Protein backbone atom coordinates (compact mmCIF):
# COMPACT_ATOMS: atom_id res chain seq x y z
CA UNK A 1 -2.96 -11.78 -11.14
CA UNK A 2 -4.98 -9.87 -8.46
CA UNK A 3 -3.83 -6.45 -7.34
CA UNK A 4 -2.03 -6.26 -3.98
CA UNK A 5 -2.41 -3.14 -2.17
CA UNK A 6 -0.50 -2.68 1.07
CA UNK A 7 -2.60 -3.19 4.37
CA UNK A 8 -2.07 -1.70 7.66
CA UNK A 9 -0.37 -3.83 10.21
CA UNK A 10 -2.09 -2.37 13.13
CA UNK A 11 -5.46 -3.95 14.07
CA UNK A 12 -8.24 -2.29 15.67
CA UNK A 13 -8.35 -2.15 19.51
CA UNK A 14 -9.78 -5.28 21.12
CA UNK A 15 -10.98 -3.69 24.29
CA UNK A 16 -14.56 -2.66 23.77
CA UNK A 17 -14.05 0.62 25.91
CA UNK A 18 -10.87 1.39 23.90
CA UNK A 19 -12.75 0.96 20.43
CA UNK A 20 -15.48 2.94 21.44
CA UNK A 21 -13.45 5.90 22.17
CA UNK A 22 -11.71 5.57 18.87
CA UNK A 23 -14.90 5.25 17.09
CA UNK A 24 -16.20 8.28 18.86
CA UNK A 25 -13.15 10.36 18.09
CA UNK A 26 -13.56 9.46 14.41
CA UNK A 27 -16.82 11.03 14.32
CA UNK A 28 -16.21 14.05 16.58
CA UNK A 29 -12.80 14.95 15.18
CA UNK A 30 -14.00 14.87 11.65
CA UNK A 31 -17.31 16.63 12.31
CA UNK A 32 -16.00 19.34 14.49
CA UNK A 33 -12.20 19.52 14.11
CA UNK A 34 -9.63 17.89 16.24
CA UNK A 35 -8.35 20.97 18.27
CA UNK A 36 -12.13 21.77 19.04
CA UNK A 37 -13.03 18.50 20.77
CA UNK A 38 -11.90 18.30 24.20
CA UNK A 39 -11.09 15.32 26.51
CA UNK A 40 -14.07 15.87 28.61
CA UNK A 41 -16.41 15.74 25.49
CA UNK A 42 -14.65 12.78 24.08
CA UNK A 43 -15.10 10.91 27.72
CA UNK A 44 -18.88 11.92 27.63
CA UNK A 45 -19.82 10.95 24.17
CA UNK A 46 -17.81 7.53 24.70
CA UNK A 47 -19.67 6.80 27.94
CA UNK A 48 -16.11 5.97 29.81
CA UNK A 49 -14.70 7.34 32.84
CA UNK A 50 -11.62 9.34 32.75
CA UNK A 51 -9.58 6.69 34.36
CA UNK A 52 -10.71 4.41 31.43
CA UNK A 53 -9.78 7.14 28.70
CA UNK A 54 -6.29 7.54 30.29
CA UNK A 55 -5.76 4.11 30.89
CA UNK A 56 -6.23 3.52 26.99
CA UNK A 57 -4.81 6.26 25.50
CA UNK A 58 -3.00 8.30 28.12
CA UNK A 59 -3.35 11.70 26.36
CA UNK A 60 -5.44 13.38 23.56
CA UNK A 61 -2.25 13.45 21.41
CA UNK A 62 -1.95 9.82 21.46
CA UNK A 63 -5.69 9.38 20.49
CA UNK A 64 -5.25 11.90 17.75
CA UNK A 65 -2.58 9.61 16.27
CA UNK A 66 -4.61 6.67 16.63
CA UNK A 67 -7.42 8.56 14.91
CA UNK A 68 -5.42 9.22 11.82
CA UNK A 69 -3.96 5.64 11.90
CA UNK A 70 -7.67 4.44 11.95
CA UNK A 71 -8.88 6.59 9.08
CA UNK A 72 -5.95 5.28 7.04
CA UNK A 73 -6.89 1.68 7.98
CA UNK A 74 -10.34 1.94 6.70
CA UNK A 75 -9.22 3.47 3.41
CA UNK A 76 -6.44 0.94 3.07
CA UNK A 77 -8.58 -2.23 3.97
CA UNK A 78 -11.15 -1.35 1.61
CA UNK A 79 -9.00 -0.57 -1.05
CA UNK A 80 -7.04 -3.78 -0.55
CA UNK A 81 -10.12 -5.89 -0.37
CA UNK A 82 -11.55 -4.35 -3.51
CA UNK A 83 -8.05 -4.78 -5.70
CA UNK A 84 -7.92 -8.55 -4.22
CA UNK A 85 -11.17 -9.28 -6.27
CA UNK A 86 -9.91 -8.46 -9.83
CA UNK A 87 -6.80 -8.04 -11.97
CA UNK A 88 -8.35 -5.29 -13.90
CA UNK A 89 -6.30 -2.11 -12.58
CA UNK A 90 -8.59 0.37 -14.72
CA UNK A 91 -11.82 -1.20 -12.93
CA UNK A 92 -9.97 -0.58 -9.37
CA UNK A 93 -8.88 3.08 -10.46
CA UNK A 94 -12.48 3.74 -11.49
CA UNK A 95 -13.85 2.41 -8.36
CA UNK A 96 -11.70 4.56 -6.31
CA UNK A 97 -12.97 7.50 -8.35
CA UNK A 98 -16.70 6.56 -7.57
CA UNK A 99 -15.91 6.21 -4.01
CA UNK A 100 -14.43 9.82 -3.83
CA UNK A 101 -17.15 11.28 -5.71
CA UNK A 102 -19.57 9.66 -3.48
CA UNK A 103 -17.89 10.98 -0.47
CA UNK A 104 -18.06 14.49 -1.73
CA UNK A 105 -21.61 14.49 -2.86
CA UNK A 106 -22.77 12.49 0.42
CA UNK A 107 -24.41 13.79 3.63
CA UNK A 108 -22.13 14.84 6.41
CA UNK A 109 -19.15 15.56 4.08
CA UNK A 110 -16.49 17.81 5.72
CA UNK A 111 -13.74 17.58 3.28
CA UNK A 112 -10.77 15.12 3.52
CA UNK A 113 -9.89 14.20 7.03
CA UNK A 114 -6.08 14.01 6.19
CA UNK A 115 -5.87 17.40 4.82
CA UNK A 116 -8.16 18.88 7.69
CA UNK A 117 -5.84 17.17 10.21
CA UNK A 118 -2.65 18.77 8.45
CA UNK A 119 -4.10 22.23 8.52
CA UNK A 120 -4.81 22.01 12.28
CA UNK A 121 -1.02 21.06 12.83
CA UNK A 122 1.27 23.62 10.99
CA UNK A 123 4.39 22.18 12.37
CA UNK A 124 5.69 19.88 9.59
CA UNK A 125 7.73 17.88 12.12
CA UNK A 126 4.45 17.18 14.25
CA UNK A 127 3.51 13.43 14.53
CA UNK A 128 0.18 14.06 13.12
CA UNK A 129 1.66 15.54 9.94
CA UNK A 130 4.03 12.78 9.73
CA UNK A 131 1.07 10.48 9.85
CA UNK A 132 -0.69 12.36 7.28
CA UNK A 133 2.28 12.40 4.98
CA UNK A 134 2.71 8.72 5.28
CA UNK A 135 -0.91 8.18 4.22
CA UNK A 136 -0.48 10.57 1.40
CA UNK A 137 2.76 8.46 0.14
CA UNK A 138 0.69 5.33 0.39
CA UNK A 139 -2.20 6.82 -1.68
CA UNK A 140 0.26 8.05 -4.33
CA UNK A 141 1.61 4.71 -4.47
CA UNK A 142 -1.50 3.26 -5.05
CA UNK A 143 -2.29 5.38 -8.09
CA UNK A 144 0.97 4.84 -9.52
CA UNK A 145 0.98 1.10 -9.33
CA UNK A 146 -2.60 1.02 -10.91
CA UNK A 147 -1.50 3.35 -13.77
CA UNK A 148 1.77 1.32 -14.21
CA UNK A 149 -0.14 -1.86 -14.66
CA UNK A 150 -2.50 -0.05 -17.17
CA UNK A 151 0.40 0.86 -19.26
CA UNK A 152 0.28 4.62 -18.52
CA UNK A 153 3.51 6.21 -20.03
CA UNK A 154 4.10 8.30 -17.19
CA UNK A 155 2.49 6.76 -14.08
CA UNK A 156 4.38 9.05 -11.43
CA UNK A 157 3.12 12.28 -13.04
CA UNK A 158 -0.23 11.01 -13.61
CA UNK A 159 -0.58 9.74 -9.98
CA UNK A 160 0.41 13.29 -9.23
CA UNK A 161 -2.41 14.56 -11.36
CA UNK A 162 -4.96 12.49 -9.67
CA UNK A 163 -3.88 13.04 -6.25
CA UNK A 164 -3.91 16.91 -6.61
CA UNK A 165 -7.31 16.72 -8.64
CA UNK A 166 -8.79 14.65 -5.60
CA UNK A 167 -7.42 17.20 -3.12
CA UNK A 168 -9.05 19.84 -5.11
CA UNK A 169 -12.24 18.18 -5.36
CA UNK A 170 -12.20 17.37 -1.65
CA UNK A 171 -11.66 21.15 -0.88
CA UNK A 172 -13.91 22.43 -3.48
CA UNK A 173 -16.73 20.08 -2.72
CA UNK A 174 -17.01 21.05 0.77
CA UNK A 175 -16.28 24.80 0.44
CA UNK A 176 -18.11 25.27 -3.00
CA UNK A 177 -19.82 23.29 -5.43
CA UNK A 178 -19.74 19.52 -5.10
CA UNK A 179 -21.07 18.79 -8.49
CA UNK A 180 -18.74 21.13 -10.34
CA UNK A 181 -15.90 19.57 -8.18
CA UNK A 182 -16.61 16.23 -8.86
CA UNK A 183 -17.19 17.00 -12.75
CA UNK A 184 -13.83 18.19 -12.93
CA UNK A 185 -12.34 15.51 -10.83
CA UNK A 186 -14.02 13.07 -13.41
CA UNK A 187 -12.38 14.87 -16.40
CA UNK A 188 -9.03 14.32 -14.91
CA UNK A 189 -9.66 10.73 -14.32
CA UNK A 190 -10.88 10.31 -17.88
CA UNK A 191 -7.80 12.23 -19.28
CA UNK A 192 -5.60 9.87 -17.28
CA UNK A 193 -7.32 6.48 -18.13
CA UNK A 194 -7.36 7.50 -21.74
CA UNK A 195 -3.78 8.24 -21.75
CA UNK A 196 -3.09 4.79 -20.59
CA UNK A 197 -5.13 3.23 -23.22
CA UNK A 198 -3.48 5.26 -26.11
CA UNK A 199 -0.11 3.49 -27.33
CA UNK A 200 2.86 5.86 -27.04
CA UNK A 201 4.33 7.14 -30.35
CA UNK A 202 7.57 6.41 -31.52
């Protein structure tokens, strides 16, 4: 039976200008930081008028929330499509591992977009932090679901291990040595997978 990963219900904007603004924000917010990028720069880089920007988003805060949702949608749709093609949970988990390693070692990597966003908004009750929290809960649920299907004896704990290893690799890969970071990440994935394949002793 194919693995079902929850897909986001919110669709991409259908209005070309609105989508263009979102895609521009997706690049600028990630590359330069959310607070650093002002509305005027977003308008200029999107090739829209100020009236068009405010018509579609109303404020920068609303665009920021849409940006976090867009990042989540991209990850969720990719993983959902991947999982729908197979009933092999280990294969999906390994593909996820390869994707993380590819991001960290690829060009233009600036760390985890969600961790970066959380760092810019210290108030835990801020909508951005809430959106990041929902994404991370979804991510943990994906790990746990895959590990449970693999027969891991402690899927919840192992999911926490993988999430924290991913966080560390993302941060260390940007601020330090990406090869060392991804190698350490791979060791954690290897350990967790081996635990799932090892029968639980009586």
